[in-house]
Amino acid sequence: MKILITGGCGFIGSNFIRYILKNRTEATIINIDKLTYAGNLANLSDVEREYAPSRYQFMKGDIGDKEIVEDIFSGSDIDWVVNFAAESHVDRSIDKPAEFLQTNIIGTFCLLETSRKFWLDPDSDITKKRLLHISTDEVYGSLNDKGYFTEKTPYNPSSPYSASKAASDHLVYAYYRTYSLPTIITNSSNNYGPYQFPEKLIPLIINNAIKGKRLPVYGDGKNVRDWLYVGDNCSAILAILERGLPGQRYNIGANCEKRNIDIVTIICDYLDKRLGLMDGKPRRGLIEYVPDRLGHDRRYAIDASKINNELQWKPSVTFEKGIIETIEWYLKNMAWVEDIETGRYRQYYMKR
């Protein structure tokens, strides 16, 4: 079993690589990552030590570079492609949308074309192949106070990021319909857990609250997100690769809706108990409401009944357990955070 992971040095990708190497001993992995700002080689330093080079190989490269991707396919009989590679931060997409279109759309197109070239060859056993495209619930747009996103919810993206992911989803499905390429799409709710880049809500609040910095909250703080522990997302992805059907999409969620302001106060209260008050004051006093994000979706909520019923997958980590494990991970890995904040982590790139 040879697996090509794209964007494996990012948050979810690095967690999935670690997960599958531990849970599928027959698997070998090639990880291609462009190492943009959110790709961090330190996320997989333990994997390098334990599994390279026999079961794990890293290659610095852009999935939009056709020559590089074709070289990987020609040199290895790739069974699965799992496409985590993406520019994913909404705020950055508002400031610089071109980068999101290049990676999320053109990069996905290059993977599809290369897979089509090699897998639809008469000598290839197409029944063993899977191209799994990792997407997001943000492609569906915003919900009001009621209802849930299902696999049949029409796409209605609100940001350049979600629009680029929606476009890539459509490409992936079109290659199944047009060429019978065995593609599958996952749309997951908001992930959290170890190795998440510090710009995202949960690690940003954890880091700032530890250091006594202000805790910025968009708008009124009542925007709702559906939260999924990254380890549960990894187990769902593997279940889909093994038991999911080509041409299908699967929503992945844990039925865990939380308002942004509630996430912030949960983190504050835990750190107050864990570390003591900050200068004698509760950390909630650090909360600062800031102008709302442009096009900010109000509520996301995933209906995951399809993957629950068809693939017998269910999440195993409650939010109460997952958020504590996440906070404790960041407390133990503040050097990792500081390397990112100071830019030192970029030094690792120069060696590859």
Protein backbone atom coordinates (compact mmCIF):
# COMPACT_ATOMS: atom_id res chain seq x y z
CA MET A 1 0.00 0.00 0.00
CA LYS A 2 1.65 3.20 -1.23
CA ILE A 3 0.01 6.48 -0.30
CA LEU A 4 0.74 9.95 -1.65
CA ILE A 5 -0.10 12.60 0.93
CA THR A 6 -0.15 16.20 -0.26
CA GLY A 7 0.27 19.00 2.24
CA GLY A 8 1.36 16.53 4.89
CA CYS A 9 3.41 19.06 6.86
CA GLY A 10 0.29 21.02 7.77
CA PHE A 11 -2.05 20.55 10.70
CA ILE A 12 -4.45 17.79 9.60
CA GLY A 13 -2.02 16.22 7.14
CA SER A 14 0.71 15.67 9.73
CA ASN A 15 -1.78 14.20 12.18
CA PHE A 16 -3.08 11.84 9.50
CA ILE A 17 0.41 10.67 8.50
CA ARG A 18 1.17 9.85 12.12
CA TYR A 19 -2.19 8.11 12.49
CA ILE A 20 -1.97 5.90 9.43
CA LEU A 21 1.64 4.84 9.99
CA LYS A 22 0.67 3.65 13.48
CA ASN A 23 -2.58 1.97 12.44
CA ARG A 24 -1.68 0.45 9.06
CA THR A 25 1.68 -1.26 9.24
CA GLU A 26 1.59 -2.19 5.55
CA ALA A 27 1.40 1.45 4.46
CA THR A 28 4.28 3.48 3.07
CA ILE A 29 3.90 7.20 2.57
CA ILE A 30 5.29 9.84 0.25
CA ASN A 31 4.59 13.31 1.60
CA ILE A 32 4.83 16.23 -0.83
CA ASP A 33 4.56 19.68 0.66
CA LYS A 34 5.40 23.09 -0.78
CA LEU A 35 6.32 24.30 2.73
CA THR A 36 4.45 27.56 2.59
CA TYR A 37 4.14 29.44 5.87
CA ALA A 38 1.80 26.85 7.48
CA GLY A 39 3.84 23.81 6.42
CA ASN A 40 6.20 22.93 9.22
CA LEU A 41 8.78 20.13 9.07
CA ALA A 42 8.87 20.09 12.86
CA ASN A 43 5.31 18.70 12.80
CA LEU A 44 6.76 15.40 11.59
CA SER A 45 10.17 15.26 13.24
CA ASP A 46 9.13 12.20 15.27
CA VAL A 47 7.85 10.50 12.11
CA GLU A 48 11.16 11.17 10.34
CA ARG A 49 13.06 9.56 13.22
CA GLU A 50 10.83 6.49 13.50
CA TYR A 51 9.74 5.71 9.94
CA ALA A 52 12.09 7.27 7.39
CA PRO A 53 13.18 6.14 4.90
CA SER A 54 11.58 2.68 4.84
CA ARG A 55 7.97 3.75 5.35
CA TYR A 56 8.06 7.54 5.09
CA GLN A 57 9.59 9.87 2.52
CA PHE A 58 9.34 13.63 2.33
CA MET A 59 9.58 15.62 -0.88
CA LYS A 60 9.50 19.39 -1.04
CA GLY A 61 7.37 20.37 -4.01
CA ASP A 62 4.31 22.10 -5.38
CA ILE A 63 1.34 19.93 -6.41
CA GLY A 64 0.75 22.46 -9.16
CA ASP A 65 4.07 21.44 -10.73
CA LYS A 66 3.06 18.76 -13.22
CA GLU A 67 6.60 17.44 -13.71
CA ILE A 68 7.15 16.82 -10.01
CA VAL A 69 3.80 15.08 -9.53
CA GLU A 70 4.32 12.89 -12.61
CA ASP A 71 7.79 11.92 -11.37
CA ILE A 72 6.23 10.65 -8.13
CA PHE A 73 3.64 8.58 -9.98
CA SER A 74 6.15 7.18 -12.44
CA GLY A 75 8.55 6.20 -9.66
CA SER A 76 5.95 4.55 -7.40
CA ASP A 77 2.78 2.59 -7.94
CA ILE A 78 0.57 4.95 -5.95
CA ASP A 79 -2.57 3.30 -4.54
CA TRP A 80 -4.12 6.24 -2.71
CA VAL A 81 -3.81 10.01 -3.02
CA VAL A 82 -5.01 12.05 -0.05
CA ASN A 83 -5.08 15.74 -0.93
CA PHE A 84 -4.64 17.89 2.16
CA ALA A 85 -2.65 20.56 0.28
CA ALA A 86 -4.50 23.86 0.52
CA GLU A 87 -4.28 27.46 1.52
CA SER A 88 -6.88 27.49 4.26
CA HIS A 89 -7.02 30.68 6.32
CA VAL A 90 -10.06 32.82 5.50
CA ASP A 91 -8.49 36.12 6.55
CA ARG A 92 -5.46 35.53 4.32
CA SER A 93 -7.74 34.65 1.40
CA ILE A 94 -9.45 38.02 1.76
CA ASP A 95 -6.09 39.81 1.58
CA LYS A 96 -4.39 37.62 -1.07
CA PRO A 97 -6.91 35.46 -2.95
CA ALA A 98 -4.61 34.60 -5.89
CA GLU A 99 -2.53 32.16 -3.82
CA PHE A 100 -5.69 30.29 -2.85
CA LEU A 101 -6.82 29.86 -6.42
CA GLN A 102 -3.40 28.62 -7.49
CA THR A 103 -3.00 25.93 -4.83
CA ASN A 104 -6.59 24.94 -4.18
CA ILE A 105 -7.81 24.85 -7.78
CA ILE A 106 -4.81 24.50 -10.10
CA GLY A 107 -2.99 22.19 -7.70
CA THR A 108 -6.00 19.91 -7.41
CA PHE A 109 -6.39 19.93 -11.19
CA CYS A 110 -2.77 18.79 -11.59
CA LEU A 111 -3.33 15.88 -9.19
CA LEU A 112 -6.47 14.85 -11.05
CA GLU A 113 -4.77 14.98 -14.44
CA THR A 114 -1.78 12.99 -13.25
CA SER A 115 -3.96 10.38 -11.56
CA ARG A 116 -6.01 10.07 -14.73
CA LYS A 117 -2.88 9.61 -16.83
CA PHE A 118 -1.42 6.82 -14.69
CA TRP A 119 -4.46 5.12 -13.19
CA LEU A 120 -6.56 4.87 -16.32
CA ASP A 121 -3.74 3.15 -18.13
CA PRO A 122 -4.83 -0.37 -19.21
CA ASP A 123 -2.04 -1.92 -17.12
CA SER A 124 -3.23 -0.25 -13.91
CA ASP A 125 -5.63 -1.97 -11.47
CA ILE A 126 -8.10 0.87 -11.02
CA THR A 127 -10.16 -1.03 -8.44
CA LYS A 128 -7.44 -0.48 -5.83
CA LYS A 129 -7.07 3.24 -6.43
CA ARG A 130 -8.56 6.14 -4.49
CA LEU A 131 -8.10 9.90 -4.73
CA LEU A 132 -9.53 11.45 -1.58
CA HIS A 133 -9.96 15.21 -1.68
CA ILE A 134 -10.07 16.87 1.73
CA SER A 135 -12.51 19.77 1.76
CA THR A 136 -14.47 21.83 4.28
CA ASP A 137 -17.98 22.59 5.47
CA GLU A 138 -17.34 26.23 4.54
CA VAL A 139 -18.24 25.45 0.90
CA TYR A 140 -21.88 25.28 2.01
CA GLY A 141 -21.98 28.86 3.21
CA SER A 142 -23.88 29.96 6.31
CA LEU A 143 -26.81 28.50 8.24
CA ASN A 144 -29.39 30.31 10.31
CA ASP A 145 -30.31 29.06 13.78
CA LYS A 146 -31.80 25.84 12.44
CA GLY A 147 -30.82 23.04 10.08
CA TYR A 148 -27.64 21.17 9.17
CA PHE A 149 -25.36 20.74 6.19
CA THR A 150 -25.95 17.46 4.39
CA GLU A 151 -24.15 16.03 1.38
CA LYS A 152 -26.98 17.42 -0.74
CA THR A 153 -26.76 20.99 0.55
CA PRO A 154 -26.13 23.39 -2.37
CA TYR A 155 -22.77 25.12 -2.35
CA ASN A 156 -22.85 28.78 -1.34
CA PRO A 157 -19.30 29.88 -0.44
CA SER A 158 -18.75 33.26 1.20
CA SER A 159 -14.97 33.86 1.03
CA PRO A 160 -12.25 33.46 -1.58
CA TYR A 161 -10.99 30.49 0.46
CA SER A 162 -14.31 28.64 0.51
CA ALA A 163 -14.98 29.53 -3.13
CA SER A 164 -11.63 28.03 -4.15
CA LYS A 165 -12.41 24.86 -2.20
CA ALA A 166 -15.86 24.67 -3.76
CA ALA A 167 -14.33 24.94 -7.22
CA SER A 168 -11.84 22.17 -6.48
CA ASP A 169 -14.65 19.96 -5.11
CA HIS A 170 -16.55 20.38 -8.36
CA LEU A 171 -13.45 19.46 -10.37
CA VAL A 172 -12.91 16.33 -8.30
CA TYR A 173 -16.49 15.17 -8.80
CA ALA A 174 -16.39 16.05 -12.50
CA TYR A 175 -13.39 13.74 -12.98
CA TYR A 176 -15.41 10.91 -11.48
CA ARG A 177 -18.41 11.63 -13.70
CA THR A 178 -16.43 12.27 -16.89
CA TYR A 179 -13.52 9.83 -16.67
CA SER A 180 -14.67 7.36 -13.95
CA LEU A 181 -11.63 8.37 -11.91
CA PRO A 182 -12.17 6.90 -8.40
CA THR A 183 -12.45 10.15 -6.48
CA ILE A 184 -14.07 10.81 -3.10
CA ILE A 185 -14.66 14.11 -1.26
CA THR A 186 -14.80 14.78 2.47
CA ASN A 187 -16.29 17.94 3.95
CA SER A 188 -15.41 18.18 7.61
CA SER A 189 -16.34 20.62 10.33
CA ASN A 190 -13.74 22.77 12.12
CA ASN A 191 -10.81 20.67 13.30
CA TYR A 192 -8.80 21.34 16.46
CA GLY A 193 -5.96 19.57 18.20
CA PRO A 194 -2.14 19.30 18.26
CA TYR A 195 0.05 21.03 15.65
CA GLN A 196 -2.59 23.52 14.51
CA PHE A 197 -0.98 26.72 13.22
CA PRO A 198 -1.25 29.47 15.87
CA GLU A 199 -3.29 31.83 13.67
CA LYS A 200 -6.43 29.68 14.08
CA LEU A 201 -8.99 30.45 16.80
CA ILE A 202 -8.28 27.75 19.39
CA PRO A 203 -4.44 27.81 19.34
CA LEU A 204 -4.45 31.61 19.08
CA ILE A 205 -6.60 31.95 22.18
CA ILE A 206 -4.62 29.29 24.08
CA ASN A 207 -1.30 30.94 23.27
CA ASN A 208 -2.47 34.48 24.01
CA ALA A 209 -4.21 33.47 27.23
CA ILE A 210 -1.09 31.70 28.49
CA LYS A 211 0.94 34.85 27.88
CA GLY A 212 -1.64 37.35 29.09
CA LYS A 213 -2.17 38.92 25.68
CA ARG A 214 -5.48 40.25 24.40
CA LEU A 215 -7.98 37.71 23.13
CA PRO A 216 -9.55 39.08 19.93
CA VAL A 217 -13.11 37.93 19.17
CA TYR A 218 -14.84 38.86 15.93
CA GLY A 219 -18.13 40.76 16.07
CA ASP A 220 -20.39 39.74 18.92
CA GLY A 221 -18.67 36.38 19.36
CA LYS A 222 -21.88 34.46 18.70
CA ASN A 223 -20.82 32.89 15.41
CA VAL A 224 -21.27 29.14 15.75
CA ARG A 225 -18.86 26.46 14.55
CA ASP A 226 -19.12 22.68 14.64
CA TRP A 227 -15.94 21.26 16.21
CA LEU A 228 -14.16 17.99 15.45
CA TYR A 229 -11.06 16.64 17.16
CA VAL A 230 -8.36 16.08 14.54
CA GLY A 231 -7.78 12.47 15.61
CA ASP A 232 -11.43 11.69 14.91
CA ASN A 233 -11.13 13.28 11.48
CA CYS A 234 -8.12 11.04 10.79
CA SER A 235 -10.03 7.89 11.70
CA ALA A 236 -12.93 9.02 9.50
CA ILE A 237 -10.63 9.64 6.54
CA LEU A 238 -9.13 6.15 6.85
CA ALA A 239 -12.62 4.61 7.08
CA ILE A 240 -13.59 6.44 3.88
CA LEU A 241 -10.46 5.31 2.06
CA GLU A 242 -11.08 1.70 3.04
CA ARG A 243 -14.88 1.48 2.83
CA GLY A 244 -16.13 4.58 1.04
CA LEU A 245 -17.41 4.50 -2.52
CA PRO A 246 -15.92 6.40 -5.47
CA GLY A 247 -18.05 9.30 -6.61
CA GLN A 248 -19.38 9.93 -3.09
CA ARG A 249 -18.90 12.77 -0.67
CA TYR A 250 -18.97 12.34 3.09
CA ASN A 251 -19.59 15.00 5.72
CA ILE A 252 -17.46 14.49 8.83
CA GLY A 253 -18.61 16.04 12.08
CA ALA A 254 -19.05 15.36 15.79
CA ASN A 255 -22.36 17.16 16.41
CA CYS A 256 -20.49 19.67 18.55
CA GLU A 257 -21.71 23.23 18.01
CA LYS A 258 -20.06 25.97 20.03
CA ARG A 259 -20.21 29.76 19.86
CA ASN A 260 -16.81 31.37 19.38
CA ILE A 261 -17.14 33.34 22.62
CA ASP A 262 -17.89 30.13 24.52
CA ILE A 263 -14.74 28.52 23.14
CA VAL A 264 -12.74 31.49 24.40
CA THR A 265 -14.25 31.43 27.89
CA ILE A 266 -13.76 27.66 28.21
CA ILE A 267 -10.06 28.09 27.46
CA CYS A 268 -9.77 31.06 29.85
CA ASP A 269 -11.44 29.24 32.73
CA TYR A 270 -9.33 26.09 32.28
CA LEU A 271 -6.07 28.05 32.21
CA ASP A 272 -7.14 30.04 35.29
CA LYS A 273 -7.47 26.76 37.17
CA ARG A 274 -4.41 25.18 35.61
CA LEU A 275 -1.97 28.10 35.88
CA GLY A 276 -3.65 30.44 38.33
CA LEU A 277 -5.10 33.87 37.65
CA MET A 278 -3.20 36.32 35.45
CA ASP A 279 -1.98 39.13 37.72
CA GLY A 280 -4.77 38.22 40.10
CA LYS A 281 -7.45 38.59 37.45
CA PRO A 282 -9.47 36.05 35.42
CA ARG A 283 -8.33 35.68 31.83
CA ARG A 284 -11.84 36.53 30.60
CA GLY A 285 -10.81 40.12 31.18
CA LEU A 286 -8.42 39.81 28.23
CA ILE A 287 -11.30 39.34 25.77
CA GLU A 288 -11.52 42.16 23.22
CA TYR A 289 -14.27 42.34 20.62
CA VAL A 290 -12.92 43.43 17.24
CA PRO A 291 -14.63 44.41 13.95
CA ASP A 292 -16.23 41.43 12.30
CA ARG A 293 -14.57 39.57 9.45
CA LEU A 294 -15.80 40.45 5.96
CA GLY A 295 -18.45 37.96 4.82
CA HIS A 296 -18.31 36.15 8.17
CA ASP A 297 -20.59 33.09 8.11
CA ARG A 298 -22.90 32.94 11.10
CA ARG A 299 -23.28 29.23 11.76
CA TYR A 300 -21.93 25.89 10.54
CA ALA A 301 -23.43 22.56 11.58
CA ILE A 302 -22.71 19.16 10.03
CA ASP A 303 -25.12 16.27 9.55
CA ALA A 304 -22.75 13.27 9.63
CA SER A 305 -25.45 10.59 9.49
CA LYS A 306 -24.24 9.29 6.11
CA ILE A 307 -20.77 8.30 7.33
CA ASN A 308 -22.28 7.13 10.64
CA ASN A 309 -24.76 4.81 8.95
CA GLU A 310 -22.97 3.68 5.80
CA LEU A 311 -19.42 3.32 7.11
CA GLN A 312 -20.16 2.76 10.81
CA TRP A 313 -17.89 5.62 11.82
CA LYS A 314 -18.50 7.77 14.88
CA PRO A 315 -16.27 10.25 16.71
CA SER A 316 -14.69 9.00 19.93
CA VAL A 317 -13.39 12.21 21.53
CA THR A 318 -15.80 14.55 23.30
CA PHE A 319 -15.14 18.26 23.14
CA GLU A 320 -14.63 18.34 26.90
CA LYS A 321 -11.82 15.79 26.59
CA GLY A 322 -10.41 17.08 23.31
CA ILE A 323 -10.07 20.71 24.37
CA ILE A 324 -8.21 19.74 27.54
CA GLU A 325 -5.85 17.48 25.58
CA THR A 326 -5.30 20.32 23.11
CA ILE A 327 -4.57 22.94 25.77
CA GLU A 328 -2.19 20.56 27.54
CA TRP A 329 -0.40 19.82 24.26
CA TYR A 330 0.24 23.53 23.68
CA LEU A 331 1.39 24.00 27.27
CA LYS A 332 3.96 21.23 26.73
CA ASN A 333 4.98 22.50 23.29
CA MET A 334 5.36 26.25 23.74
CA ALA A 335 8.81 26.01 22.13
CA TRP A 336 7.05 24.81 18.95
CA VAL A 337 4.77 27.85 19.10
CA GLU A 338 7.66 30.22 19.77
CA ASP A 339 9.60 28.83 16.81
CA ILE A 340 6.66 29.79 14.62
CA GLU A 341 6.16 33.20 16.20
CA THR A 342 9.82 34.12 15.80
CA GLY A 343 10.14 32.56 12.35
CA ARG A 344 12.85 30.13 13.51
CA TYR A 345 10.85 27.21 12.12
CA ARG A 346 11.61 28.51 8.64
CA GLN A 347 15.26 27.57 9.17
CA TYR A 348 14.31 23.91 8.86
CA TYR A 349 13.11 24.63 5.31
CA MET A 350 16.53 25.73 4.18
CA LYS A 351 17.91 22.26 4.94
CA ARG A 352 15.48 20.52 2.57
